[in-house]
Amino acid sequence: MTSTNPALRHQVIRIYKDLLYLGREYPQGYDFFRTRLHRAFASQKNLTDEKKIRKGIERAEFVKKEIEALYYLKRYRTLRQRYDKS
């Protein structure tokens, strides 16, 4: 990403690191997640239009929320199985 706006660059790096952190618990493994994430971000590295960069950041935030929701659901199901009397 070659942006003239350093704030956008900081946001992209932050969301990338957040997603990497979430990838530690990914069901198919961290290496699978990391390579897919890197490929997704690398494919967008030539973006220079601020609107498109912001759109990409929004999409990454959405993916982050979806992954978090899946992890919460997994934890809920595990706890429910553990403590369910059925």
PDB file of N, CA and C in Angstrom:
ATOM      1  N   MET A   1       0.848  -1.173   0.000  1.00  0.00           N
ATOM      2  CA  MET A   1       0.000   0.000   0.000  1.00  0.00           C
ATOM      3  C   MET A   1       0.892   1.234   0.000  1.00  0.00           C
ATOM      4  N   THR A   2       0.758   2.045  -0.992  1.00  0.00           N
ATOM      5  CA  THR A   2       1.528   3.281  -1.060  1.00  0.00           C
ATOM      6  C   THR A   2       0.549   4.442  -0.938  1.00  0.00           C
ATOM      7  N   SER A   3       0.203   4.764   0.262  1.00  0.00           N
ATOM      8  CA  SER A   3      -0.754   5.829   0.521  1.00  0.00           C
ATOM      9  C   SER A   3      -0.005   7.056   1.030  1.00  0.00           C
ATOM     10  N   THR A   4      -0.540   8.204   0.682  1.00  0.00           N
ATOM     11  CA  THR A   4       0.046   9.428   1.202  1.00  0.00           C
ATOM     12  C   THR A   4      -0.456   9.710   2.611  1.00  0.00           C
ATOM     13  N   ASN A   5      -1.458   8.984   3.055  1.00  0.00           N
ATOM     14  CA  ASN A   5      -2.056   9.196   4.357  1.00  0.00           C
ATOM     15  C   ASN A   5      -1.497   8.179   5.363  1.00  0.00           C
ATOM     16  N   PRO A   6      -0.629   8.619   6.284  1.00  0.00           N
ATOM     17  CA  PRO A   6      -0.044   7.666   7.243  1.00  0.00           C
ATOM     18  C   PRO A   6      -1.071   7.080   8.203  1.00  0.00           C
ATOM     19  N   ALA A   7      -2.168   7.777   8.443  1.00  0.00           N
ATOM     20  CA  ALA A   7      -3.197   7.255   9.341  1.00  0.00           C
ATOM     21  C   ALA A   7      -3.841   6.001   8.738  1.00  0.00           C
ATOM     22  N   LEU A   8      -4.059   6.010   7.425  1.00  0.00           N
ATOM     23  CA  LEU A   8      -4.634   4.831   6.772  1.00  0.00           C
ATOM     24  C   LEU A   8      -3.666   3.656   6.848  1.00  0.00           C
ATOM     25  N   ARG A   9      -2.406   3.936   6.638  1.00  0.00           N
ATOM     26  CA  ARG A   9      -1.392   2.882   6.721  1.00  0.00           C
ATOM     27  C   ARG A   9      -1.388   2.264   8.116  1.00  0.00           C
ATOM     28  N   HIS A  10      -1.484   3.109   9.124  1.00  0.00           N
ATOM     29  CA  HIS A  10      -1.519   2.622  10.506  1.00  0.00           C
ATOM     30  C   HIS A  10      -2.748   1.748  10.731  1.00  0.00           C
ATOM     31  N   GLN A  11      -3.899   2.154  10.194  1.00  0.00           N
ATOM     32  CA  GLN A  11      -5.122   1.372  10.357  1.00  0.00           C
ATOM     33  C   GLN A  11      -4.995   0.009   9.688  1.00  0.00           C
ATOM     34  N   VAL A  12      -4.402  -0.015   8.505  1.00  0.00           N
ATOM     35  CA  VAL A  12      -4.232  -1.284   7.794  1.00  0.00           C
ATOM     36  C   VAL A  12      -3.321  -2.214   8.585  1.00  0.00           C
ATOM     37  N   ILE A  13      -2.231  -1.700   9.085  1.00  0.00           N
ATOM     38  CA  ILE A  13      -1.299  -2.526   9.863  1.00  0.00           C
ATOM     39  C   ILE A  13      -1.966  -3.020  11.138  1.00  0.00           C
ATOM     40  N   ARG A  14      -2.750  -2.153  11.796  1.00  0.00           N
ATOM     41  CA  ARG A  14      -3.430  -2.550  13.031  1.00  0.00           C
ATOM     42  C   ARG A  14      -4.429  -3.682  12.778  1.00  0.00           C
ATOM     43  N   ILE A  15      -5.238  -3.548  11.720  1.00  0.00           N
ATOM     44  CA  ILE A  15      -6.244  -4.593  11.464  1.00  0.00           C
ATOM     45  C   ILE A  15      -5.562  -5.891  11.043  1.00  0.00           C
ATOM     46  N   TYR A  16      -4.446  -5.778  10.335  1.00  0.00           N
ATOM     47  CA  TYR A  16      -3.686  -6.974   9.946  1.00  0.00           C
ATOM     48  C   TYR A  16      -3.183  -7.694  11.190  1.00  0.00           C
ATOM     49  N   LYS A  17      -2.627  -6.949  12.133  1.00  0.00           N
ATOM     50  CA  LYS A  17      -2.130  -7.559  13.368  1.00  0.00           C
ATOM     51  C   LYS A  17      -3.261  -8.156  14.199  1.00  0.00           C
ATOM     52  N   ASP A  18      -4.401  -7.448  14.237  1.00  0.00           N
ATOM     53  CA  ASP A  18      -5.554  -7.976  14.973  1.00  0.00           C
ATOM     54  C   ASP A  18      -6.020  -9.300  14.379  1.00  0.00           C
ATOM     55  N   LEU A  19      -6.082  -9.346  13.054  1.00  0.00           N
ATOM     56  CA  LEU A  19      -6.516 -10.578  12.402  1.00  0.00           C
ATOM     57  C   LEU A  19      -5.500 -11.697  12.614  1.00  0.00           C
ATOM     58  N   LEU A  20      -4.220 -11.369  12.573  1.00  0.00           N
ATOM     59  CA  LEU A  20      -3.196 -12.388  12.850  1.00  0.00           C
ATOM     60  C   LEU A  20      -3.372 -12.953  14.262  1.00  0.00           C
ATOM     61  N   TYR A  21      -3.653 -12.075  15.214  1.00  0.00           N
ATOM     62  CA  TYR A  21      -3.857 -12.504  16.595  1.00  0.00           C
ATOM     63  C   TYR A  21      -5.060 -13.449  16.690  1.00  0.00           C
ATOM     64  N   LEU A  22      -6.136 -13.101  15.991  1.00  0.00           N
ATOM     65  CA  LEU A  22      -7.323 -13.960  16.013  1.00  0.00           C
ATOM     66  C   LEU A  22      -7.065 -15.301  15.330  1.00  0.00           C
ATOM     67  N   GLY A  23      -6.149 -15.315  14.384  1.00  0.00           N
ATOM     68  CA  GLY A  23      -5.869 -16.528  13.634  1.00  0.00           C
ATOM     69  C   GLY A  23      -5.222 -17.630  14.441  1.00  0.00           C
ATOM     70  N   ARG A  24      -4.752 -17.319  15.637  1.00  0.00           N
ATOM     71  CA  ARG A  24      -4.110 -18.334  16.471  1.00  0.00           C
ATOM     72  C   ARG A  24      -5.051 -19.494  16.779  1.00  0.00           C
ATOM     73  N   GLU A  25      -6.334 -19.199  16.902  1.00  0.00           N
ATOM     74  CA  GLU A  25      -7.325 -20.210  17.277  1.00  0.00           C
ATOM     75  C   GLU A  25      -8.090 -20.752  16.079  1.00  0.00           C
ATOM     76  N   TYR A  26      -7.664 -20.414  14.867  1.00  0.00           N
ATOM     77  CA  TYR A  26      -8.419 -20.801  13.676  1.00  0.00           C
ATOM     78  C   TYR A  26      -8.471 -22.319  13.553  1.00  0.00           C
ATOM     79  N   PRO A  27      -9.638 -22.892  13.246  1.00  0.00           N
ATOM     80  CA  PRO A  27      -9.784 -24.354  13.221  1.00  0.00           C
ATOM     81  C   PRO A  27      -8.851 -25.071  12.238  1.00  0.00           C
ATOM     82  N   GLN A  28      -8.545 -24.451  11.119  1.00  0.00           N
ATOM     83  CA  GLN A  28      -7.689 -25.117  10.129  1.00  0.00           C
ATOM     84  C   GLN A  28      -6.209 -24.844  10.360  1.00  0.00           C
ATOM     85  N   GLY A  29      -5.898 -24.173  11.437  1.00  0.00           N
ATOM     86  CA  GLY A  29      -4.512 -23.951  11.814  1.00  0.00           C
ATOM     87  C   GLY A  29      -4.037 -22.534  11.521  1.00  0.00           C
ATOM     88  N   TYR A  30      -3.074 -22.122  12.308  1.00  0.00           N
ATOM     89  CA  TYR A  30      -2.537 -20.758  12.193  1.00  0.00           C
ATOM     90  C   TYR A  30      -1.827 -20.536  10.867  1.00  0.00           C
ATOM     91  N   ASP A  31      -1.057 -21.530  10.417  1.00  0.00           N
ATOM     92  CA  ASP A  31      -0.323 -21.368   9.151  1.00  0.00           C
ATOM     93  C   ASP A  31      -1.266 -21.184   7.976  1.00  0.00           C
ATOM     94  N   PHE A  32      -2.351 -21.950   7.947  1.00  0.00           N
ATOM     95  CA  PHE A  32      -3.357 -21.798   6.895  1.00  0.00           C
ATOM     96  C   PHE A  32      -3.937 -20.391   6.926  1.00  0.00           C
ATOM     97  N   PHE A  33      -4.306 -19.942   8.114  1.00  0.00           N
ATOM     98  CA  PHE A  33      -4.910 -18.617   8.264  1.00  0.00           C
ATOM     99  C   PHE A  33      -3.927 -17.521   7.870  1.00  0.00           C
ATOM    100  N   ARG A  34      -2.687 -17.637   8.334  1.00  0.00           N
ATOM    101  CA  ARG A  34      -1.686 -16.598   8.076  1.00  0.00           C
ATOM    102  C   ARG A  34      -1.392 -16.456   6.594  1.00  0.00           C
ATOM    103  N   THR A  35      -1.246 -17.575   5.890  1.00  0.00           N
ATOM    104  CA  THR A  35      -0.964 -17.484   4.457  1.00  0.00           C
ATOM    105  C   THR A  35      -2.135 -16.898   3.688  1.00  0.00           C
ATOM    106  N   ARG A  36      -3.357 -17.266   4.060  1.00  0.00           N
ATOM    107  CA  ARG A  36      -4.537 -16.702   3.387  1.00  0.00           C
ATOM    108  C   ARG A  36      -4.670 -15.208   3.676  1.00  0.00           C
ATOM    109  N   LEU A  37      -4.415 -14.830   4.917  1.00  0.00           N
ATOM    110  CA  LEU A  37      -4.496 -13.417   5.289  1.00  0.00           C
ATOM    111  C   LEU A  37      -3.438 -12.606   4.550  1.00  0.00           C
ATOM    112  N   HIS A  38      -2.223 -13.114   4.517  1.00  0.00           N
ATOM    113  CA  HIS A  38      -1.146 -12.416   3.822  1.00  0.00           C
ATOM    114  C   HIS A  38      -1.477 -12.253   2.338  1.00  0.00           C
ATOM    115  N   ARG A  39      -1.983 -13.304   1.734  1.00  0.00           N
ATOM    116  CA  ARG A  39      -2.348 -13.242   0.319  1.00  0.00           C
ATOM    117  C   ARG A  39      -3.454 -12.212   0.079  1.00  0.00           C
ATOM    118  N   ALA A  40      -4.428 -12.152   0.984  1.00  0.00           N
ATOM    119  CA  ALA A  40      -5.529 -11.195   0.834  1.00  0.00           C
ATOM    120  C   ALA A  40      -5.025  -9.755   0.930  1.00  0.00           C
ATOM    121  N   PHE A  41      -4.154  -9.495   1.883  1.00  0.00           N
ATOM    122  CA  PHE A  41      -3.630  -8.137   2.037  1.00  0.00           C
ATOM    123  C   PHE A  41      -2.652  -7.796   0.917  1.00  0.00           C
ATOM    124  N   ALA A  42      -1.838  -8.749   0.499  1.00  0.00           N
ATOM    125  CA  ALA A  42      -0.863  -8.497  -0.565  1.00  0.00           C
ATOM    126  C   ALA A  42      -1.554  -8.194  -1.890  1.00  0.00           C
ATOM    127  N   SER A  43      -2.722  -8.789  -2.110  1.00  0.00           N
ATOM    128  CA  SER A  43      -3.430  -8.539  -3.365  1.00  0.00           C
ATOM    129  C   SER A  43      -3.952  -7.104  -3.451  1.00  0.00           C
ATOM    130  N   GLN A  44      -4.037  -6.428  -2.313  1.00  0.00           N
ATOM    131  CA  GLN A  44      -4.558  -5.057  -2.277  1.00  0.00           C
ATOM    132  C   GLN A  44      -3.462  -4.020  -2.048  1.00  0.00           C
ATOM    133  N   LYS A  45      -2.208  -4.429  -2.089  1.00  0.00           N
ATOM    134  CA  LYS A  45      -1.115  -3.530  -1.724  1.00  0.00           C
ATOM    135  C   LYS A  45      -0.930  -2.356  -2.685  1.00  0.00           C
ATOM    136  N   ASN A  46      -1.415  -2.463  -3.893  1.00  0.00           N
ATOM    137  CA  ASN A  46      -1.222  -1.396  -4.874  1.00  0.00           C
ATOM    138  C   ASN A  46      -2.323  -0.344  -4.853  1.00  0.00           C
ATOM    139  N   LEU A  47      -3.252  -0.453  -3.933  1.00  0.00           N
ATOM    140  CA  LEU A  47      -4.334   0.533  -3.855  1.00  0.00           C
ATOM    141  C   LEU A  47      -3.777   1.896  -3.443  1.00  0.00           C
ATOM    142  N   THR A  48      -4.210   2.931  -4.135  1.00  0.00           N
ATOM    143  CA  THR A  48      -3.786   4.285  -3.782  1.00  0.00           C
ATOM    144  C   THR A  48      -4.986   5.188  -3.508  1.00  0.00           C
ATOM    145  N   ASP A  49      -6.162   4.789  -3.970  1.00  0.00           N
ATOM    146  CA  ASP A  49      -7.369   5.577  -3.756  1.00  0.00           C
ATOM    147  C   ASP A  49      -7.822   5.423  -2.299  1.00  0.00           C
ATOM    148  N   GLU A  50      -7.959   6.540  -1.599  1.00  0.00           N
ATOM    149  CA  GLU A  50      -8.320   6.474  -0.168  1.00  0.00           C
ATOM    150  C   GLU A  50      -9.668   5.809   0.056  1.00  0.00           C
ATOM    151  N   LYS A  51     -10.615   6.039  -0.840  1.00  0.00           N
ATOM    152  CA  LYS A  51     -11.940   5.424  -0.683  1.00  0.00           C
ATOM    153  C   LYS A  51     -11.842   3.907  -0.751  1.00  0.00           C
ATOM    154  N   LYS A  52     -11.049   3.406  -1.684  1.00  0.00           N
ATOM    155  CA  LYS A  52     -10.899   1.959  -1.815  1.00  0.00           C
ATOM    156  C   LYS A  52     -10.158   1.377  -0.617  1.00  0.00           C
ATOM    157  N   ILE A  53      -9.181   2.104  -0.116  1.00  0.00           N
ATOM    158  CA  ILE A  53      -8.449   1.636   1.068  1.00  0.00           C
ATOM    159  C   ILE A  53      -9.386   1.584   2.265  1.00  0.00           C
ATOM    160  N   ARG A  54     -10.187   2.620   2.440  1.00  0.00           N
ATOM    161  CA  ARG A  54     -11.154   2.628   3.550  1.00  0.00           C
ATOM    162  C   ARG A  54     -12.161   1.489   3.406  1.00  0.00           C
ATOM    163  N   LYS A  55     -12.583   1.210   2.179  1.00  0.00           N
ATOM    164  CA  LYS A  55     -13.516   0.115   1.919  1.00  0.00           C
ATOM    165  C   LYS A  55     -12.867  -1.220   2.313  1.00  0.00           C
ATOM    166  N   GLY A  56     -11.585  -1.369   1.998  1.00  0.00           N
ATOM    167  CA  GLY A  56     -10.866  -2.581   2.376  1.00  0.00           C
ATOM    168  C   GLY A  56     -10.742  -2.714   3.883  1.00  0.00           C
ATOM    169  N   ILE A  57     -10.505  -1.611   4.564  1.00  0.00           N
ATOM    170  CA  ILE A  57     -10.423  -1.631   6.033  1.00  0.00           C
ATOM    171  C   ILE A  57     -11.767  -2.034   6.621  1.00  0.00           C
ATOM    172  N   GLU A  58     -12.857  -1.498   6.059  1.00  0.00           N
ATOM    173  CA  GLU A  58     -14.194  -1.869   6.534  1.00  0.00           C
ATOM    174  C   GLU A  58     -14.446  -3.355   6.331  1.00  0.00           C
ATOM    175  N   ARG A  59     -14.029  -3.883   5.189  1.00  0.00           N
ATOM    176  CA  ARG A  59     -14.211  -5.310   4.917  1.00  0.00           C
ATOM    177  C   ARG A  59     -13.398  -6.142   5.909  1.00  0.00           C
ATOM    178  N   ALA A  60     -12.186  -5.709   6.213  1.00  0.00           N
ATOM    179  CA  ALA A  60     -11.348  -6.423   7.180  1.00  0.00           C
ATOM    180  C   ALA A  60     -11.967  -6.380   8.577  1.00  0.00           C
ATOM    181  N   GLU A  61     -12.544  -5.236   8.946  1.00  0.00           N
ATOM    182  CA  GLU A  61     -13.218  -5.134  10.248  1.00  0.00           C
ATOM    183  C   GLU A  61     -14.409  -6.093  10.304  1.00  0.00           C
ATOM    184  N   PHE A  62     -15.137  -6.210   9.192  1.00  0.00           N
ATOM    185  CA  PHE A  62     -16.267  -7.137   9.135  1.00  0.00           C
ATOM    186  C   PHE A  62     -15.788  -8.577   9.323  1.00  0.00           C
ATOM    187  N   VAL A  63     -14.709  -8.940   8.645  1.00  0.00           N
ATOM    188  CA  VAL A  63     -14.147 -10.289   8.777  1.00  0.00           C
ATOM    189  C   VAL A  63     -13.720 -10.535  10.220  1.00  0.00           C
ATOM    190  N   LYS A  64     -13.116  -9.524  10.831  1.00  0.00           N
ATOM    191  CA  LYS A  64     -12.689  -9.643  12.232  1.00  0.00           C
ATOM    192  C   LYS A  64     -13.889  -9.929  13.138  1.00  0.00           C
ATOM    193  N   LYS A  65     -14.981  -9.203  12.930  1.00  0.00           N
ATOM    194  CA  LYS A  65     -16.177  -9.422  13.748  1.00  0.00           C
ATOM    195  C   LYS A  65     -16.764 -10.807  13.516  1.00  0.00           C
ATOM    196  N   GLU A  66     -16.743 -11.271  12.271  1.00  0.00           N
ATOM    197  CA  GLU A  66     -17.257 -12.600  11.967  1.00  0.00           C
ATOM    198  C   GLU A  66     -16.426 -13.690  12.654  1.00  0.00           C
ATOM    199  N   ILE A  67     -15.115 -13.541  12.623  1.00  0.00           N
ATOM    200  CA  ILE A  67     -14.239 -14.526  13.267  1.00  0.00           C
ATOM    201  C   ILE A  67     -14.471 -14.521  14.772  1.00  0.00           C
ATOM    202  N   GLU A  68     -14.588 -13.337  15.362  1.00  0.00           N
ATOM    203  CA  GLU A  68     -14.861 -13.254  16.797  1.00  0.00           C
ATOM    204  C   GLU A  68     -16.182 -13.917  17.129  1.00  0.00           C
ATOM    205  N   ALA A  69     -17.206 -13.705  16.302  1.00  0.00           N
ATOM    206  CA  ALA A  69     -18.512 -14.313  16.541  1.00  0.00           C
ATOM    207  C   ALA A  69     -18.419 -15.841  16.488  1.00  0.00           C
ATOM    208  N   LEU A  70     -17.646 -16.352  15.545  1.00  0.00           N
ATOM    209  CA  LEU A  70     -17.470 -17.804  15.456  1.00  0.00           C
ATOM    210  C   LEU A  70     -16.777 -18.354  16.689  1.00  0.00           C
ATOM    211  N   TYR A  71     -15.780 -17.642  17.193  1.00  0.00           N
ATOM    212  CA  TYR A  71     -15.081 -18.091  18.393  1.00  0.00           C
ATOM    213  C   TYR A  71     -16.006 -18.068  19.602  1.00  0.00           C
ATOM    214  N   TYR A  72     -16.824 -17.019  19.730  1.00  0.00           N
ATOM    215  CA  TYR A  72     -17.763 -16.963  20.850  1.00  0.00           C
ATOM    216  C   TYR A  72     -18.776 -18.095  20.762  1.00  0.00           C
ATOM    217  N   LEU A  73     -19.232 -18.397  19.565  1.00  0.00           N
ATOM    218  CA  LEU A  73     -20.175 -19.492  19.382  1.00  0.00           C
ATOM    219  C   LEU A  73     -19.529 -20.825  19.763  1.00  0.00           C
ATOM    220  N   LYS A  74     -18.283 -21.007  19.383  1.00  0.00           N
ATOM    221  CA  LYS A  74     -17.565 -22.235  19.724  1.00  0.00           C
ATOM    222  C   LYS A  74     -17.434 -22.375  21.236  1.00  0.00           C
ATOM    223  N   ARG A  75     -17.085 -21.279  21.904  1.00  0.00           N
ATOM    224  CA  ARG A  75     -16.971 -21.313  23.370  1.00  0.00           C
ATOM    225  C   ARG A  75     -18.315 -21.609  24.019  1.00  0.00           C
ATOM    226  N   TYR A  76     -19.377 -20.987  23.507  1.00  0.00           N
ATOM    227  CA  TYR A  76     -20.718 -21.197  24.038  1.00  0.00           C
ATOM    228  C   TYR A  76     -21.120 -22.664  23.908  1.00  0.00           C
ATOM    229  N   ARG A  77     -20.883 -23.229  22.739  1.00  0.00           N
ATOM    230  CA  ARG A  77     -21.250 -24.629  22.527  1.00  0.00           C
ATOM    231  C   ARG A  77     -20.458 -25.559  23.436  1.00  0.00           C
ATOM    232  N   THR A  78     -19.178 -25.263  23.615  1.00  0.00           N
ATOM    233  CA  THR A  78     -18.347 -26.093  24.485  1.00  0.00           C
ATOM    234  C   THR A  78     -18.850 -26.029  25.923  1.00  0.00           C
ATOM    235  N   LEU A  79     -19.123 -24.827  26.405  1.00  0.00           N
ATOM    236  CA  LEU A  79     -19.616 -24.683  27.773  1.00  0.00           C
ATOM    237  C   LEU A  79     -20.982 -25.332  27.938  1.00  0.00           C
ATOM    238  N   ARG A  80     -21.822 -25.195  26.945  1.00  0.00           N
ATOM    239  CA  ARG A  80     -23.141 -25.785  27.023  1.00  0.00           C
ATOM    240  C   ARG A  80     -23.051 -27.308  27.084  1.00  0.00           C
ATOM    241  N   GLN A  81     -22.177 -27.897  26.273  1.00  0.00           N
ATOM    242  CA  GLN A  81     -21.997 -29.347  26.310  1.00  0.00           C
ATOM    243  C   GLN A  81     -21.444 -29.788  27.671  1.00  0.00           C
ATOM    244  N   ARG A  82     -20.552 -28.983  28.192  1.00  0.00           N
ATOM    245  CA  ARG A  82     -19.897 -29.343  29.436  1.00  0.00           C
ATOM    246  C   ARG A  82     -20.863 -29.313  30.619  1.00  0.00           C
ATOM    247  N   TYR A  83     -21.768 -28.344  30.628  1.00  0.00           N
ATOM    248  CA  TYR A  83     -22.633 -28.157  31.785  1.00  0.00           C
ATOM    249  C   TYR A  83     -24.093 -28.544  31.556  1.00  0.00           C
ATOM    250  N   ASP A  84     -24.420 -29.016  30.385  1.00  0.00           N
ATOM    251  CA  ASP A  84     -25.796 -29.412  30.099  1.00  0.00           C
ATOM    252  C   ASP A  84     -26.087 -30.759  30.778  1.00  0.00           C
ATOM    253  N   LYS A  85     -27.224 -30.854  31.414  1.00  0.00           N
ATOM    254  CA  LYS A  85     -27.562 -32.051  32.176  1.00  0.00           C
ATOM    255  C   LYS A  85     -28.198 -33.137  31.299  1.00  0.00           C
ATOM    256  N   SER A  86     -28.485 -32.842  30.067  1.00  0.00           N
ATOM    257  CA  SER A  86     -29.163 -33.805  29.180  1.00  0.00           C
ATOM    258  C   SER A  86     -28.304 -34.985  28.872  1.00  0.00           C
TER     259      SER A  86
END
